[in-house]
Amino acid sequence: MSLLHLTSRAVAGISGAGDKEELKVALYAAVQSLGFDSFNIAFEKSAKREFMTEPTLTIWSYDDLVAYAGDGWAERDPLLDYAATGTDPLYWQTPSWNQNGHPDYYEYIKHVGVFGGLTVPLPGSPDKLGALTLLSLADRKHDKDVTHAVSIVAMMARAKAAAVGLASGQESGASAKFRALSSLQREILKWMANGKSNVEIAVIVSQSKRSIDYHVIEILKKLEVSSRAQAAAIYAAL
């Protein structure tokens, strides 16, 4: 199938999305059809670190995002710098980071199995940032015109995100409350959502049960809910 046909089909799929979940599915299908394996897209962010701490849509897991932030990459990732300051799409292969003076980043992405990627900066309203980043987890070559195709997909995704209310730069109430949790409380909430008891969570996160009891109470307060089940539902929704 030609790249033009793949791009047209990707745009049609994104255009037909009616909500956040449908847009995520359509964008993932578009990404895969163009030869990539994962995506992370963010709109109307105030700081570059929010691309990874609060992405608009991503197929990275919560654990992946926590590990990324925990290793301090949000402050020293050269690709994140480019996403925030660049103007043109950047297609890259993993060895290029070593050749361009970023050996630590090269070792990191090689370790996690990334072979290459493509980043399209998507600046928004004044002082707001955005970008679409695709990653390839296999050693494959891409058509030289894929950069143009992904740029079209990125712009279409931004337009559709605005249409379904995702690109306004305003957090949902639940998202804002979730951000008020400490990193430990987010970790505890994750295990609560997985059905773990406070005793089990204490062992998993190497804290005392008394500490977990306290944090669970704080989590319920910050999320403004009265039960573990309600807290777990918020976590699942986010």
Protein backbone atom coordinates (compact mmCIF):
# COMPACT_ATOMS: atom_id res chain seq x y z
CA MET A 1 0.00 0.00 0.00
CA SER A 2 1.41 3.43 -0.91
CA LEU A 3 2.37 5.99 1.70
CA LEU A 4 -0.23 8.36 0.28
CA HIS A 5 -2.94 5.73 0.75
CA LEU A 6 -1.75 4.97 4.29
CA THR A 7 -1.76 8.66 5.17
CA SER A 8 -5.24 9.19 3.74
CA ARG A 9 -6.57 6.23 5.70
CA ALA A 10 -4.88 7.47 8.88
CA VAL A 11 -6.41 10.94 8.48
CA ALA A 12 -9.85 9.44 7.85
CA GLY A 13 -9.60 7.31 10.98
CA ILE A 14 -8.60 10.27 13.15
CA SER A 15 -11.28 12.46 11.59
CA GLY A 16 -13.94 9.91 12.49
CA ALA A 17 -12.99 9.74 16.18
CA GLY A 18 -15.76 10.96 18.44
CA ASP A 19 -14.06 11.05 21.83
CA LYS A 20 -10.72 10.66 23.61
CA GLU A 21 -10.63 6.88 23.52
CA GLU A 22 -11.58 6.66 19.85
CA LEU A 23 -8.92 9.26 19.02
CA LYS A 24 -6.30 7.27 20.92
CA VAL A 25 -7.22 4.09 19.02
CA ALA A 26 -7.24 5.88 15.66
CA LEU A 27 -3.92 7.60 16.30
CA TYR A 28 -2.29 4.35 17.41
CA ALA A 29 -3.52 2.65 14.24
CA ALA A 30 -2.10 5.53 12.18
CA VAL A 31 1.24 5.32 13.96
CA GLN A 32 1.52 1.58 13.35
CA SER A 33 0.54 1.88 9.69
CA LEU A 34 3.38 4.36 9.18
CA GLY A 35 5.94 1.99 10.67
CA PHE A 36 6.21 3.07 14.32
CA ASP A 37 5.36 1.26 17.54
CA SER A 38 4.42 3.86 20.14
CA PHE A 39 3.33 7.47 20.42
CA ASN A 40 3.13 10.26 22.94
CA ILE A 41 1.26 13.46 22.08
CA ALA A 42 0.79 16.61 24.15
CA PHE A 43 -0.97 19.91 23.55
CA GLU A 44 -1.03 23.29 25.30
CA LYS A 45 1.59 22.47 27.93
CA SER A 46 3.29 25.13 30.02
CA ALA A 47 6.60 23.29 30.39
CA LYS A 48 8.40 20.63 28.38
CA ARG A 49 8.41 18.14 31.26
CA GLU A 50 4.61 18.01 31.02
CA PHE A 51 4.99 16.21 27.66
CA MET A 52 5.90 13.15 29.71
CA THR A 53 4.33 13.79 33.12
CA GLU A 54 0.92 14.85 31.74
CA PRO A 55 0.65 13.74 28.08
CA THR A 56 -2.63 14.40 26.32
CA LEU A 57 -2.64 10.92 24.76
CA THR A 58 -0.06 8.16 25.02
CA ILE A 59 0.31 4.41 24.88
CA TRP A 60 3.12 4.56 27.42
CA SER A 61 1.98 2.90 30.63
CA TYR A 62 1.76 4.76 33.93
CA ASP A 63 4.75 2.75 35.16
CA ASP A 64 6.77 3.78 32.08
CA LEU A 65 6.03 7.45 32.73
CA VAL A 66 6.88 7.15 36.43
CA ALA A 67 10.17 5.40 35.64
CA TYR A 68 11.06 8.09 33.09
CA ALA A 69 10.39 10.88 35.58
CA GLY A 70 12.04 8.99 38.42
CA ASP A 71 15.27 8.68 36.42
CA GLY A 72 15.31 12.45 35.92
CA TRP A 73 14.92 12.40 32.15
CA ALA A 74 12.24 15.08 32.15
CA GLU A 75 14.99 17.59 32.91
CA ARG A 76 17.80 16.23 30.70
CA ASP A 77 16.20 14.55 27.70
CA PRO A 78 17.59 16.21 24.52
CA LEU A 79 14.62 14.99 22.50
CA LEU A 80 12.29 16.73 24.93
CA ASP A 81 14.33 19.91 24.46
CA TYR A 82 13.87 19.63 20.71
CA ALA A 83 10.14 18.94 21.04
CA ALA A 84 9.79 22.16 23.04
CA THR A 85 12.06 24.41 20.96
CA GLY A 86 12.26 22.90 17.46
CA THR A 87 10.24 24.03 14.49
CA ASP A 88 10.66 21.21 11.95
CA PRO A 89 9.98 17.47 12.31
CA LEU A 90 13.02 15.52 13.49
CA TYR A 91 13.59 11.98 12.22
CA TRP A 92 16.37 10.18 14.09
CA GLN A 93 18.08 6.85 14.62
CA THR A 94 19.37 5.87 18.06
CA PRO A 95 23.12 6.02 17.21
CA SER A 96 22.74 9.66 16.19
CA TRP A 97 22.37 10.71 19.85
CA ASN A 98 25.79 9.25 20.64
CA GLN A 99 27.29 10.95 17.62
CA ASN A 100 25.72 14.29 18.57
CA GLY A 101 27.15 14.45 22.08
CA HIS A 102 24.45 12.74 24.16
CA PRO A 103 26.04 9.39 25.12
CA ASP A 104 23.95 9.04 28.30
CA TYR A 105 20.70 9.42 26.36
CA TYR A 106 21.98 7.05 23.70
CA GLU A 107 22.66 4.38 26.34
CA TYR A 108 19.25 4.95 27.90
CA ILE A 109 17.15 4.57 24.77
CA LYS A 110 19.27 1.68 23.54
CA HIS A 111 18.70 -0.05 26.89
CA VAL A 112 14.91 0.31 26.62
CA GLY A 113 14.94 -1.08 23.08
CA VAL A 114 14.35 2.04 20.98
CA PHE A 115 15.85 1.97 17.47
CA GLY A 116 14.66 5.34 16.23
CA GLY A 117 11.84 7.82 16.17
CA LEU A 118 10.25 10.96 14.82
CA THR A 119 9.21 14.09 16.71
CA VAL A 120 6.90 16.78 15.35
CA PRO A 121 6.79 20.01 17.41
CA LEU A 122 3.23 21.34 17.79
CA PRO A 123 3.40 24.79 19.40
CA GLY A 124 0.00 26.13 20.39
CA SER A 125 -1.23 29.41 21.84
CA PRO A 126 1.38 31.91 23.10
CA ASP A 127 3.77 30.35 25.64
CA LYS A 128 2.18 26.91 25.23
CA LEU A 129 4.03 23.85 23.94
CA GLY A 130 3.08 20.64 22.18
CA ALA A 131 4.61 17.76 20.26
CA LEU A 132 3.97 14.32 18.80
CA THR A 133 6.75 11.79 19.31
CA LEU A 134 6.78 8.36 17.69
CA LEU A 135 9.20 5.56 18.57
CA SER A 136 10.31 2.52 16.61
CA LEU A 137 11.07 -0.59 18.64
CA ALA A 138 12.45 -2.55 15.69
CA ASP A 139 15.40 -1.98 13.39
CA ARG A 140 13.47 -0.83 10.33
CA LYS A 141 13.94 1.82 7.69
CA HIS A 142 11.25 4.35 6.89
CA ASP A 143 10.33 5.96 3.60
CA LYS A 144 11.97 9.38 3.23
CA ASP A 145 8.51 10.94 2.90
CA VAL A 146 7.27 9.51 6.20
CA THR A 147 8.18 12.77 7.98
CA HIS A 148 5.64 14.65 5.86
CA ALA A 149 3.01 11.97 6.43
CA VAL A 150 3.47 12.05 10.21
CA SER A 151 3.28 15.86 10.18
CA ILE A 152 -0.11 15.62 8.48
CA VAL A 153 -1.27 13.03 11.03
CA ALA A 154 -0.02 15.23 13.90
CA MET A 155 -1.91 18.30 12.67
CA MET A 156 -5.06 16.25 12.15
CA ALA A 157 -4.74 14.78 15.65
CA ARG A 158 -4.37 18.26 17.12
CA ALA A 159 -7.48 19.48 15.31
CA LYS A 160 -9.51 16.49 16.42
CA ALA A 161 -8.22 16.79 20.00
CA ALA A 162 -9.49 20.36 20.05
CA ALA A 163 -12.84 19.21 18.67
CA VAL A 164 -13.32 16.64 21.44
CA GLY A 165 -12.11 19.01 24.17
CA LEU A 166 -8.60 17.66 24.78
CA ALA A 167 -6.47 20.55 23.55
CA SER A 168 -7.87 23.41 25.61
CA GLY A 169 -5.04 23.32 28.13
CA GLN A 170 -7.58 22.88 30.91
CA GLU A 171 -7.31 19.85 33.16
CA SER A 172 -10.34 17.86 34.15
CA GLY A 173 -11.24 18.08 37.83
CA ALA A 174 -10.12 14.50 38.39
CA SER A 175 -6.80 15.10 36.63
CA ALA A 176 -6.07 18.17 38.75
CA LYS A 177 -6.84 16.24 41.93
CA PHE A 178 -4.66 13.35 40.79
CA ARG A 179 -1.75 15.73 40.23
CA ALA A 180 -2.11 16.88 43.84
CA LEU A 181 -1.02 13.42 45.00
CA SER A 182 2.62 12.84 45.84
CA SER A 183 4.58 10.29 43.79
CA LEU A 184 4.28 7.80 46.67
CA GLN A 185 0.54 8.38 46.89
CA ARG A 186 0.18 7.79 43.17
CA GLU A 187 2.07 4.53 43.57
CA ILE A 188 -0.18 3.52 46.47
CA LEU A 189 -3.26 4.43 44.44
CA LYS A 190 -2.05 2.22 41.60
CA TRP A 191 -1.86 -0.77 43.94
CA MET A 192 -5.22 0.12 45.49
CA ALA A 193 -6.70 0.01 41.99
CA ASN A 194 -5.12 -3.42 41.56
CA GLY A 195 -6.98 -4.70 44.61
CA LYS A 196 -4.08 -4.80 47.06
CA SER A 197 -4.71 -4.40 50.77
CA ASN A 198 -2.84 -1.85 52.87
CA VAL A 199 -0.68 -4.64 54.33
CA GLU A 200 0.26 -5.85 50.85
CA ILE A 201 0.96 -2.31 49.63
CA ALA A 202 3.21 -1.68 52.63
CA VAL A 203 5.38 -4.62 51.62
CA ILE A 204 5.43 -3.61 47.94
CA VAL A 205 6.49 0.01 48.52
CA SER A 206 8.67 -0.71 51.58
CA GLN A 207 6.64 1.39 54.00
CA SER A 208 4.98 0.60 57.32
CA LYS A 209 1.28 -0.29 57.35
CA ARG A 210 0.68 2.75 59.53
CA SER A 211 2.22 4.95 56.84
CA ILE A 212 0.05 3.34 54.16
CA ASP A 213 -3.07 3.81 56.30
CA TYR A 214 -2.25 7.52 56.57
CA HIS A 215 -1.59 7.94 52.86
CA VAL A 216 -4.79 6.13 51.87
CA ILE A 217 -6.77 8.58 53.99
CA GLU A 218 -4.91 11.47 52.34
CA ILE A 219 -5.56 10.04 48.87
CA LEU A 220 -9.30 9.83 49.53
CA LYS A 221 -9.29 13.41 50.84
CA LYS A 222 -7.36 14.81 47.88
CA LEU A 223 -9.51 12.96 45.35
CA GLU A 224 -12.62 14.02 47.28
CA VAL A 225 -14.06 10.50 47.41
CA SER A 226 -15.23 8.34 50.28
CA SER A 227 -14.15 4.83 49.25
CA ARG A 228 -11.25 2.90 47.80
CA ALA A 229 -13.48 1.79 44.94
CA GLN A 230 -14.17 5.40 43.93
CA ALA A 231 -10.45 6.22 44.10
CA ALA A 232 -9.66 3.18 41.98
CA ALA A 233 -12.25 4.27 39.41
CA ILE A 234 -10.58 7.68 39.10
CA TYR A 235 -7.20 6.01 38.62
CA ALA A 236 -8.62 3.73 35.94
CA ALA A 237 -10.24 6.66 34.13
CA LEU A 238 -7.00 8.62 34.08
